[in-house]
Amino acid sequence: MSVDPPRVLEAFKAGLGAAFHFLSDEDRAVTNQLDIAEHTDSRHGPLPVPYTFALLPDLTIADIWNGWYFVGRPTPEELRQSARAINARINADHDFRGD
């Protein structure tokens, strides 16, 4: 989700060739409702704090990370471990060792 207008997000999506949806919170309604505004940037803000979610198939949150740049963002290894844990949680045949 972004605070950019839908037209800007559509252009960005087309430029990436992305097949997934981009959500716009141009009026910052969701940002305010969730109380995730970051108020230290007086020049651009308030902007929403970026969040990354790992979701189960029913769209419940399995893992959550929040923060800017390298502070709070998941590493590729953390995402891999989260995907592995989700797979083990939802697939009974995940453990091929037979234990």
PDB file of N, CA and C in Angstrom:
ATOM      1  N   MET A   1       0.855  -1.164   0.000  1.00  0.00           N
ATOM      2  CA  MET A   1       0.000   0.000   0.000  1.00  0.00           C
ATOM      3  C   MET A   1       0.902   1.228   0.000  1.00  0.00           C
ATOM      4  N   SER A   2       0.477   2.219  -0.724  1.00  0.00           N
ATOM      5  CA  SER A   2       1.258   3.439  -0.877  1.00  0.00           C
ATOM      6  C   SER A   2       0.354   4.648  -0.694  1.00  0.00           C
ATOM      7  N   VAL A   3       0.941   5.792  -0.377  1.00  0.00           N
ATOM      8  CA  VAL A   3       0.174   7.039  -0.301  1.00  0.00           C
ATOM      9  C   VAL A   3       0.164   7.752  -1.649  1.00  0.00           C
ATOM     10  N   ASP A   4       0.746   7.143  -2.665  1.00  0.00           N
ATOM     11  CA  ASP A   4       0.716   7.717  -4.008  1.00  0.00           C
ATOM     12  C   ASP A   4      -0.678   7.564  -4.612  1.00  0.00           C
ATOM     13  N   PRO A   5      -1.057   8.485  -5.520  1.00  0.00           N
ATOM     14  CA  PRO A   5      -2.360   8.371  -6.183  1.00  0.00           C
ATOM     15  C   PRO A   5      -2.437   7.100  -7.038  1.00  0.00           C
ATOM     16  N   PRO A   6      -3.638   6.559  -7.245  1.00  0.00           N
ATOM     17  CA  PRO A   6      -3.797   5.330  -8.036  1.00  0.00           C
ATOM     18  C   PRO A   6      -3.162   5.417  -9.420  1.00  0.00           C
ATOM     19  N   ARG A   7      -3.235   6.549 -10.079  1.00  0.00           N
ATOM     20  CA  ARG A   7      -2.657   6.703 -11.423  1.00  0.00           C
ATOM     21  C   ARG A   7      -1.135   6.500 -11.395  1.00  0.00           C
ATOM     22  N   VAL A   8      -0.487   7.018 -10.355  1.00  0.00           N
ATOM     23  CA  VAL A   8       0.965   6.846 -10.210  1.00  0.00           C
ATOM     24  C   VAL A   8       1.292   5.375  -9.946  1.00  0.00           C
ATOM     25  N   LEU A   9       0.499   4.730  -9.095  1.00  0.00           N
ATOM     26  CA  LEU A   9       0.736   3.318  -8.790  1.00  0.00           C
ATOM     27  C   LEU A   9       0.538   2.429 -10.011  1.00  0.00           C
ATOM     28  N   GLU A  10      -0.453   2.746 -10.840  1.00  0.00           N
ATOM     29  CA  GLU A  10      -0.672   1.965 -12.056  1.00  0.00           C
ATOM     30  C   GLU A  10       0.517   2.074 -13.004  1.00  0.00           C
ATOM     31  N   ALA A  11       1.078   3.274 -13.124  1.00  0.00           N
ATOM     32  CA  ALA A  11       2.260   3.459 -13.973  1.00  0.00           C
ATOM     33  C   ALA A  11       3.450   2.684 -13.408  1.00  0.00           C
ATOM     34  N   PHE A  12       3.624   2.720 -12.094  1.00  0.00           N
ATOM     35  CA  PHE A  12       4.714   1.994 -11.445  1.00  0.00           C
ATOM     36  C   PHE A  12       4.537   0.487 -11.651  1.00  0.00           C
ATOM     37  N   LYS A  13       3.309   0.017 -11.464  1.00  0.00           N
ATOM     38  CA  LYS A  13       2.999  -1.407 -11.653  1.00  0.00           C
ATOM     39  C   LYS A  13       3.294  -1.838 -13.085  1.00  0.00           C
ATOM     40  N   ALA A  14       2.880  -1.021 -14.057  1.00  0.00           N
ATOM     41  CA  ALA A  14       3.132  -1.338 -15.465  1.00  0.00           C
ATOM     42  C   ALA A  14       4.626  -1.359 -15.754  1.00  0.00           C
ATOM     43  N   GLY A  15       5.353  -0.409 -15.178  1.00  0.00           N
ATOM     44  CA  GLY A  15       6.800  -0.353 -15.380  1.00  0.00           C
ATOM     45  C   GLY A  15       7.514  -1.577 -14.838  1.00  0.00           C
ATOM     46  N   LEU A  16       6.997  -2.115 -13.737  1.00  0.00           N
ATOM     47  CA  LEU A  16       7.586  -3.327 -13.158  1.00  0.00           C
ATOM     48  C   LEU A  16       7.116  -4.593 -13.856  1.00  0.00           C
ATOM     49  N   GLY A  17       5.984  -4.506 -14.546  1.00  0.00           N
ATOM     50  CA  GLY A  17       5.380  -5.701 -15.126  1.00  0.00           C
ATOM     51  C   GLY A  17       4.773  -6.584 -14.055  1.00  0.00           C
ATOM     52  N   ALA A  18       4.338  -5.975 -12.950  1.00  0.00           N
ATOM     53  CA  ALA A  18       3.820  -6.725 -11.810  1.00  0.00           C
ATOM     54  C   ALA A  18       2.418  -7.258 -12.098  1.00  0.00           C
ATOM     55  N   ALA A  19       2.142  -8.453 -11.586  1.00  0.00           N
ATOM     56  CA  ALA A  19       0.836  -9.064 -11.763  1.00  0.00           C
ATOM     57  C   ALA A  19      -0.029  -8.918 -10.513  1.00  0.00           C
ATOM     58  N   PHE A  20       0.546  -8.407  -9.429  1.00  0.00           N
ATOM     59  CA  PHE A  20      -0.198  -8.276  -8.180  1.00  0.00           C
ATOM     60  C   PHE A  20      -0.739  -6.854  -8.030  1.00  0.00           C
ATOM     61  N   HIS A  21      -1.659  -6.693  -7.093  1.00  0.00           N
ATOM     62  CA  HIS A  21      -2.324  -5.408  -6.887  1.00  0.00           C
ATOM     63  C   HIS A  21      -1.455  -4.442  -6.097  1.00  0.00           C
ATOM     64  N   PHE A  22      -1.579  -3.181  -6.404  1.00  0.00           N
ATOM     65  CA  PHE A  22      -0.980  -2.105  -5.633  1.00  0.00           C
ATOM     66  C   PHE A  22      -2.127  -1.319  -5.022  1.00  0.00           C
ATOM     67  N   LEU A  23      -2.093  -1.090  -3.733  1.00  0.00           N
ATOM     68  CA  LEU A  23      -3.181  -0.403  -3.046  1.00  0.00           C
ATOM     69  C   LEU A  23      -2.773   1.037  -2.738  1.00  0.00           C
ATOM     70  N   SER A  24      -3.710   1.955  -2.943  1.00  0.00           N
ATOM     71  CA  SER A  24      -3.462   3.371  -2.703  1.00  0.00           C
ATOM     72  C   SER A  24      -4.195   3.837  -1.451  1.00  0.00           C
ATOM     73  N   ASP A  25      -3.466   4.531  -0.594  1.00  0.00           N
ATOM     74  CA  ASP A  25      -4.038   5.179   0.586  1.00  0.00           C
ATOM     75  C   ASP A  25      -3.750   6.673   0.475  1.00  0.00           C
ATOM     76  N   GLU A  26      -4.127   7.224  -0.682  1.00  0.00           N
ATOM     77  CA  GLU A  26      -3.803   8.615  -0.999  1.00  0.00           C
ATOM     78  C   GLU A  26      -4.313   9.589   0.069  1.00  0.00           C
ATOM     79  N   ASP A  27      -5.489   9.335   0.604  1.00  0.00           N
ATOM     80  CA  ASP A  27      -6.030  10.235   1.630  1.00  0.00           C
ATOM     81  C   ASP A  27      -5.572   9.855   3.041  1.00  0.00           C
ATOM     82  N   ARG A  28      -4.732   8.816   3.133  1.00  0.00           N
ATOM     83  CA  ARG A  28      -4.134   8.335   4.382  1.00  0.00           C
ATOM     84  C   ARG A  28      -5.163   7.856   5.409  1.00  0.00           C
ATOM     85  N   ALA A  29      -6.306   7.410   4.940  1.00  0.00           N
ATOM     86  CA  ALA A  29      -7.359   6.910   5.838  1.00  0.00           C
ATOM     87  C   ALA A  29      -6.900   5.660   6.580  1.00  0.00           C
ATOM     88  N   VAL A  30      -6.298   4.704   5.860  1.00  0.00           N
ATOM     89  CA  VAL A  30      -5.838   3.465   6.489  1.00  0.00           C
ATOM     90  C   VAL A  30      -4.662   3.763   7.423  1.00  0.00           C
ATOM     91  N   THR A  31      -3.758   4.623   6.984  1.00  0.00           N
ATOM     92  CA  THR A  31      -2.619   5.020   7.818  1.00  0.00           C
ATOM     93  C   THR A  31      -3.103   5.587   9.146  1.00  0.00           C
ATOM     94  N   ASN A  32      -4.097   6.449   9.093  1.00  0.00           N
ATOM     95  CA  ASN A  32      -4.627   7.051  10.322  1.00  0.00           C
ATOM     96  C   ASN A  32      -5.413   6.041  11.147  1.00  0.00           C
ATOM     97  N   GLN A  33      -6.194   5.192  10.486  1.00  0.00           N
ATOM     98  CA  GLN A  33      -6.994   4.198  11.199  1.00  0.00           C
ATOM     99  C   GLN A  33      -6.099   3.210  11.946  1.00  0.00           C
ATOM    100  N   LEU A  34      -4.998   2.800  11.323  1.00  0.00           N
ATOM    101  CA  LEU A  34      -4.078   1.852  11.959  1.00  0.00           C
ATOM    102  C   LEU A  34      -3.067   2.534  12.874  1.00  0.00           C
ATOM    103  N   ASP A  35      -3.051   3.860  12.856  1.00  0.00           N
ATOM    104  CA  ASP A  35      -2.126   4.656  13.668  1.00  0.00           C
ATOM    105  C   ASP A  35      -0.673   4.244  13.413  1.00  0.00           C
ATOM    106  N   ILE A  36      -0.307   4.225  12.126  1.00  0.00           N
ATOM    107  CA  ILE A  36       1.057   3.838  11.752  1.00  0.00           C
ATOM    108  C   ILE A  36       1.812   4.993  11.098  1.00  0.00           C
ATOM    109  N   ALA A  37       1.374   6.222  11.367  1.00  0.00           N
ATOM    110  CA  ALA A  37       2.050   7.378  10.790  1.00  0.00           C
ATOM    111  C   ALA A  37       3.351   7.652  11.532  1.00  0.00           C
ATOM    112  N   GLU A  38       4.373   7.984  10.762  1.00  0.00           N
ATOM    113  CA  GLU A  38       5.680   8.341  11.300  1.00  0.00           C
ATOM    114  C   GLU A  38       5.771   9.859  11.219  1.00  0.00           C
ATOM    115  N   HIS A  39       5.978  10.521  12.339  1.00  0.00           N
ATOM    116  CA  HIS A  39       5.867  11.975  12.413  1.00  0.00           C
ATOM    117  C   HIS A  39       7.201  12.719  12.468  1.00  0.00           C
ATOM    118  N   THR A  40       8.330  12.057  12.319  1.00  0.00           N
ATOM    119  CA  THR A  40       9.615  12.744  12.459  1.00  0.00           C
ATOM    120  C   THR A  40      10.052  13.464  11.189  1.00  0.00           C
ATOM    121  N   ASP A  41       9.476  13.128  10.045  1.00  0.00           N
ATOM    122  CA  ASP A  41       9.839  13.774   8.782  1.00  0.00           C
ATOM    123  C   ASP A  41       8.858  14.912   8.504  1.00  0.00           C
ATOM    124  N   SER A  42       9.216  16.116   8.913  1.00  0.00           N
ATOM    125  CA  SER A  42       8.312  17.249   8.749  1.00  0.00           C
ATOM    126  C   SER A  42       8.239  17.727   7.298  1.00  0.00           C
ATOM    127  N   ARG A  43       9.222  17.369   6.495  1.00  0.00           N
ATOM    128  CA  ARG A  43       9.238  17.790   5.089  1.00  0.00           C
ATOM    129  C   ARG A  43       8.246  16.995   4.231  1.00  0.00           C
ATOM    130  N   HIS A  44       8.205  15.675   4.416  1.00  0.00           N
ATOM    131  CA  HIS A  44       7.361  14.802   3.594  1.00  0.00           C
ATOM    132  C   HIS A  44       6.174  14.224   4.346  1.00  0.00           C
ATOM    133  N   GLY A  45       6.225  14.207   5.638  1.00  0.00           N
ATOM    134  CA  GLY A  45       5.298  13.438   6.450  1.00  0.00           C
ATOM    135  C   GLY A  45       3.995  14.130   6.747  1.00  0.00           C
ATOM    136  N   PRO A  46       3.169  13.448   7.508  1.00  0.00           N
ATOM    137  CA  PRO A  46       3.483  12.129   8.052  1.00  0.00           C
ATOM    138  C   PRO A  46       3.271  11.027   7.016  1.00  0.00           C
ATOM    139  N   LEU A  47       4.204  10.128   6.953  1.00  0.00           N
ATOM    140  CA  LEU A  47       4.130   8.973   6.056  1.00  0.00           C
ATOM    141  C   LEU A  47       3.892   7.722   6.887  1.00  0.00           C
ATOM    142  N   PRO A  48       3.283   6.708   6.295  1.00  0.00           N
ATOM    143  CA  PRO A  48       3.110   5.463   7.045  1.00  0.00           C
ATOM    144  C   PRO A  48       4.438   4.723   7.182  1.00  0.00           C
ATOM    145  N   VAL A  49       4.638   4.117   8.334  1.00  0.00           N
ATOM    146  CA  VAL A  49       5.806   3.264   8.553  1.00  0.00           C
ATOM    147  C   VAL A  49       5.629   2.038   7.665  1.00  0.00           C
ATOM    148  N   PRO A  50       6.657   1.633   6.910  1.00  0.00           N
ATOM    149  CA  PRO A  50       6.504   0.458   6.048  1.00  0.00           C
ATOM    150  C   PRO A  50       6.440  -0.844   6.850  1.00  0.00           C
ATOM    151  N   TYR A  51       5.522  -1.705   6.458  1.00  0.00           N
ATOM    152  CA  TYR A  51       5.353  -3.015   7.073  1.00  0.00           C
ATOM    153  C   TYR A  51       5.487  -4.091   6.016  1.00  0.00           C
ATOM    154  N   THR A  52       6.023  -5.236   6.413  1.00  0.00           N
ATOM    155  CA  THR A  52       6.082  -6.423   5.567  1.00  0.00           C
ATOM    156  C   THR A  52       5.393  -7.548   6.320  1.00  0.00           C
ATOM    157  N   PHE A  53       4.486  -8.244   5.642  1.00  0.00           N
ATOM    158  CA  PHE A  53       3.737  -9.330   6.254  1.00  0.00           C
ATOM    159  C   PHE A  53       4.001 -10.632   5.511  1.00  0.00           C
ATOM    160  N   ALA A  54       4.096 -11.728   6.260  1.00  0.00           N
ATOM    161  CA  ALA A  54       4.059 -13.074   5.694  1.00  0.00           C
ATOM    162  C   ALA A  54       2.689 -13.626   6.074  1.00  0.00           C
ATOM    163  N   LEU A  55       1.903 -13.996   5.072  1.00  0.00           N
ATOM    164  CA  LEU A  55       0.524 -14.398   5.303  1.00  0.00           C
ATOM    165  C   LEU A  55       0.312 -15.885   5.099  1.00  0.00           C
ATOM    166  N   LEU A  56      -0.560 -16.442   5.923  1.00  0.00           N
ATOM    167  CA  LEU A  56      -1.016 -17.807   5.732  1.00  0.00           C
ATOM    168  C   LEU A  56      -2.030 -17.818   4.595  1.00  0.00           C
ATOM    169  N   PRO A  57      -2.383 -18.987   4.062  1.00  0.00           N
ATOM    170  CA  PRO A  57      -3.342 -19.034   2.956  1.00  0.00           C
ATOM    171  C   PRO A  57      -4.696 -18.376   3.270  1.00  0.00           C
ATOM    172  N   ASP A  58      -5.102 -18.365   4.533  1.00  0.00           N
ATOM    173  CA  ASP A  58      -6.375 -17.718   4.891  1.00  0.00           C
ATOM    174  C   ASP A  58      -6.199 -16.218   5.154  1.00  0.00           C
ATOM    175  N   LEU A  59      -5.017 -15.692   4.822  1.00  0.00           N
ATOM    176  CA  LEU A  59      -4.652 -14.280   4.931  1.00  0.00           C
ATOM    177  C   LEU A  59      -4.473 -13.784   6.362  1.00  0.00           C
ATOM    178  N   THR A  60      -4.329 -14.700   7.326  1.00  0.00           N
ATOM    179  CA  THR A  60      -3.936 -14.275   8.662  1.00  0.00           C
ATOM    180  C   THR A  60      -2.427 -14.047   8.664  1.00  0.00           C
ATOM    181  N   ILE A  61      -1.978 -13.199   9.544  1.00  0.00           N
ATOM    182  CA  ILE A  61      -0.563 -12.826   9.578  1.00  0.00           C
ATOM    183  C   ILE A  61       0.239 -13.879  10.334  1.00  0.00           C
ATOM    184  N   ALA A  62       1.261 -14.412   9.675  1.00  0.00           N
ATOM    185  CA  ALA A  62       2.158 -15.378  10.304  1.00  0.00           C
ATOM    186  C   ALA A  62       3.379 -14.670  10.896  1.00  0.00           C
ATOM    187  N   ASP A  63       3.911 -13.693  10.181  1.00  0.00           N
ATOM    188  CA  ASP A  63       5.064 -12.906  10.631  1.00  0.00           C
ATOM    189  C   ASP A  63       4.873 -11.469  10.192  1.00  0.00           C
ATOM    190  N   ILE A  64       5.480 -10.562  10.950  1.00  0.00           N
ATOM    191  CA  ILE A  64       5.386  -9.143  10.622  1.00  0.00           C
ATOM    192  C   ILE A  64       6.716  -8.468  10.924  1.00  0.00           C
ATOM    193  N   TRP A  65       7.108  -7.589  10.025  1.00  0.00           N
ATOM    194  CA  TRP A  65       8.309  -6.774  10.204  1.00  0.00           C
ATOM    195  C   TRP A  65       7.913  -5.327   9.918  1.00  0.00           C
ATOM    196  N   ASN A  66       8.520  -4.386  10.611  1.00  0.00           N
ATOM    197  CA  ASN A  66       8.241  -2.991  10.308  1.00  0.00           C
ATOM    198  C   ASN A  66       9.502  -2.155  10.480  1.00  0.00           C
ATOM    199  N   GLY A  67       9.635  -1.153   9.639  1.00  0.00           N
ATOM    200  CA  GLY A  67      10.759  -0.243   9.743  1.00  0.00           C
ATOM    201  C   GLY A  67      11.265   0.215   8.398  1.00  0.00           C
ATOM    202  N   TRP A  68      12.121   1.191   8.447  1.00  0.00           N
ATOM    203  CA  TRP A  68      12.695   1.806   7.254  1.00  0.00           C
ATOM    204  C   TRP A  68      14.019   1.149   6.894  1.00  0.00           C
ATOM    205  N   TYR A  69      14.315   1.101   5.627  1.00  0.00           N
ATOM    206  CA  TYR A  69      15.593   0.648   5.081  1.00  0.00           C
ATOM    207  C   TYR A  69      16.006  -0.687   5.674  1.00  0.00           C
ATOM    208  N   PHE A  70      17.175  -0.755   6.316  1.00  0.00           N
ATOM    209  CA  PHE A  70      17.668  -2.027   6.832  1.00  0.00           C
ATOM    210  C   PHE A  70      17.250  -2.267   8.278  1.00  0.00           C
ATOM    211  N   VAL A  71      16.625  -1.290   8.897  1.00  0.00           N
ATOM    212  CA  VAL A  71      16.192  -1.434  10.283  1.00  0.00           C
ATOM    213  C   VAL A  71      14.747  -1.900  10.282  1.00  0.00           C
ATOM    214  N   GLY A  72      14.538  -3.146  10.619  1.00  0.00           N
ATOM    215  CA  GLY A  72      13.185  -3.663  10.704  1.00  0.00           C
ATOM    216  C   GLY A  72      12.687  -4.384   9.465  1.00  0.00           C
ATOM    217  N   ARG A  73      13.334  -4.212   8.344  1.00  0.00           N
ATOM    218  CA  ARG A  73      12.912  -4.920   7.128  1.00  0.00           C
ATOM    219  C   ARG A  73      13.444  -6.346   7.165  1.00  0.00           C
ATOM    220  N   PRO A  74      12.669  -7.299   6.643  1.00  0.00           N
ATOM    221  CA  PRO A  74      13.154  -8.681   6.666  1.00  0.00           C
ATOM    222  C   PRO A  74      14.263  -8.895   5.634  1.00  0.00           C
ATOM    223  N   THR A  75      15.201  -9.726   6.007  1.00  0.00           N
ATOM    224  CA  THR A  75      16.250 -10.123   5.069  1.00  0.00           C
ATOM    225  C   THR A  75      15.704 -11.243   4.191  1.00  0.00           C
ATOM    226  N   PRO A  76      16.336 -11.523   3.063  1.00  0.00           N
ATOM    227  CA  PRO A  76      15.903 -12.683   2.264  1.00  0.00           C
ATOM    228  C   PRO A  76      15.909 -13.978   3.080  1.00  0.00           C
ATOM    229  N   GLU A  77      16.867 -14.126   3.981  1.00  0.00           N
ATOM    230  CA  GLU A  77      16.919 -15.330   4.808  1.00  0.00           C
ATOM    231  C   GLU A  77      15.727 -15.397   5.766  1.00  0.00           C
ATOM    232  N   GLU A  78      15.349 -14.268   6.344  1.00  0.00           N
ATOM    233  CA  GLU A  78      14.182 -14.255   7.234  1.00  0.00           C
ATOM    234  C   GLU A  78      12.907 -14.590   6.465  1.00  0.00           C
ATOM    235  N   LEU A  79      12.782 -14.082   5.246  1.00  0.00           N
ATOM    236  CA  LEU A  79      11.617 -14.407   4.420  1.00  0.00           C
ATOM    237  C   LEU A  79      11.601 -15.886   4.066  1.00  0.00           C
ATOM    238  N   ARG A  80      12.781 -16.446   3.759  1.00  0.00           N
ATOM    239  CA  ARG A  80      12.869 -17.878   3.441  1.00  0.00           C
ATOM    240  C   ARG A  80      12.465 -18.718   4.641  1.00  0.00           C
ATOM    241  N   GLN A  81      12.974 -18.361   5.829  1.00  0.00           N
ATOM    242  CA  GLN A  81      12.633 -19.105   7.039  1.00  0.00           C
ATOM    243  C   GLN A  81      11.146 -18.995   7.363  1.00  0.00           C
ATOM    244  N   SER A  82      10.571 -17.822   7.140  1.00  0.00           N
ATOM    245  CA  SER A  82       9.142 -17.636   7.373  1.00  0.00           C
ATOM    246  C   SER A  82       8.323 -18.491   6.414  1.00  0.00           C
ATOM    247  N   ALA A  83       8.716 -18.506   5.139  1.00  0.00           N
ATOM    248  CA  ALA A  83       8.010 -19.336   4.153  1.00  0.00           C
ATOM    249  C   ALA A  83       8.129 -20.809   4.510  1.00  0.00           C
ATOM    250  N   ARG A  84       9.289 -21.223   4.984  1.00  0.00           N
ATOM    251  CA  ARG A  84       9.484 -22.615   5.388  1.00  0.00           C
ATOM    252  C   ARG A  84       8.597 -22.971   6.586  1.00  0.00           C
ATOM    253  N   ALA A  85       8.511 -22.070   7.570  1.00  0.00           N
ATOM    254  CA  ALA A  85       7.666 -22.310   8.743  1.00  0.00           C
ATOM    255  C   ALA A  85       6.189 -22.355   8.360  1.00  0.00           C
ATOM    256  N   ILE A  86       5.780 -21.483   7.448  1.00  0.00           N
ATOM    257  CA  ILE A  86       4.397 -21.489   6.982  1.00  0.00           C
ATOM    258  C   ILE A  86       4.096 -22.794   6.258  1.00  0.00           C
ATOM    259  N   ASN A  87       5.018 -23.223   5.397  1.00  0.00           N
ATOM    260  CA  ASN A  87       4.841 -24.482   4.677  1.00  0.00           C
ATOM    261  C   ASN A  87       4.709 -25.655   5.641  1.00  0.00           C
ATOM    262  N   ALA A  88       5.544 -25.691   6.668  1.00  0.00           N
ATOM    263  CA  ALA A  88       5.475 -26.773   7.655  1.00  0.00           C
ATOM    264  C   ALA A  88       4.154 -26.727   8.420  1.00  0.00           C
ATOM    265  N   ARG A  89       3.661 -25.530   8.651  1.00  0.00           N
ATOM    266  CA  ARG A  89       2.415 -25.360   9.410  1.00  0.00           C
ATOM    267  C   ARG A  89       1.185 -25.813   8.619  1.00  0.00           C
ATOM    268  N   ILE A  90       1.201 -25.617   7.307  1.00  0.00           N
ATOM    269  CA  ILE A  90      -0.002 -25.904   6.521  1.00  0.00           C
ATOM    270  C   ILE A  90       0.055 -27.217   5.760  1.00  0.00           C
ATOM    271  N   ASN A  91       1.227 -27.841   5.659  1.00  0.00           N
ATOM    272  CA  ASN A  91       1.356 -29.100   4.914  1.00  0.00           C
ATOM    273  C   ASN A  91       1.793 -30.217   5.843  1.00  0.00           C
ATOM    274  N   ALA A  92       0.926 -31.190   6.018  1.00  0.00           N
ATOM    275  CA  ALA A  92       1.226 -32.310   6.911  1.00  0.00           C
ATOM    276  C   ALA A  92       2.423 -33.125   6.422  1.00  0.00           C
ATOM    277  N   ASP A  93       2.665 -33.151   5.115  1.00  0.00           N
ATOM    278  CA  ASP A  93       3.754 -33.951   4.562  1.00  0.00           C
ATOM    279  C   ASP A  93       5.036 -33.140   4.365  1.00  0.00           C
ATOM    280  N   HIS A  94       5.185 -32.053   5.093  1.00  0.00           N
ATOM    281  CA  HIS A  94       6.357 -31.184   4.940  1.00  0.00           C
ATOM    282  C   HIS A  94       7.657 -31.878   5.354  1.00  0.00           C
ATOM    283  N   ASP A  95       7.622 -32.639   6.432  1.00  0.00           N
ATOM    284  CA  ASP A  95       8.832 -33.283   6.963  1.00  0.00           C
ATOM    285  C   ASP A  95       9.040 -34.603   6.222  1.00  0.00           C
ATOM    286  N   PHE A  96      10.016 -34.620   5.315  1.00  0.00           N
ATOM    287  CA  PHE A  96      10.263 -35.789   4.492  1.00  0.00           C
ATOM    288  C   PHE A  96      11.140 -36.841   5.180  1.00  0.00           C
ATOM    289  N   ARG A  97      11.584 -36.551   6.420  1.00  0.00           N
ATOM    290  CA  ARG A  97      12.416 -37.508   7.139  1.00  0.00           C
ATOM    291  C   ARG A  97      11.607 -38.665   7.694  1.00  0.00           C
ATOM    292  N   GLY A  98      10.294 -38.503   7.758  1.00  0.00           N
ATOM    293  CA  GLY A  98       9.447 -39.587   8.247  1.00  0.00           C
ATOM    294  C   GLY A  98       9.313 -39.618   9.761  1.00  0.00           C
ATOM    295  N   ASP A  99       9.750 -38.582  10.462  1.00  0.00           N
ATOM    296  CA  ASP A  99       9.652 -38.540  11.939  1.00  0.00           C
ATOM    297  C   ASP A  99       8.234 -38.311  12.381  1.00  0.00           C
TER     298      ASP A  99
END
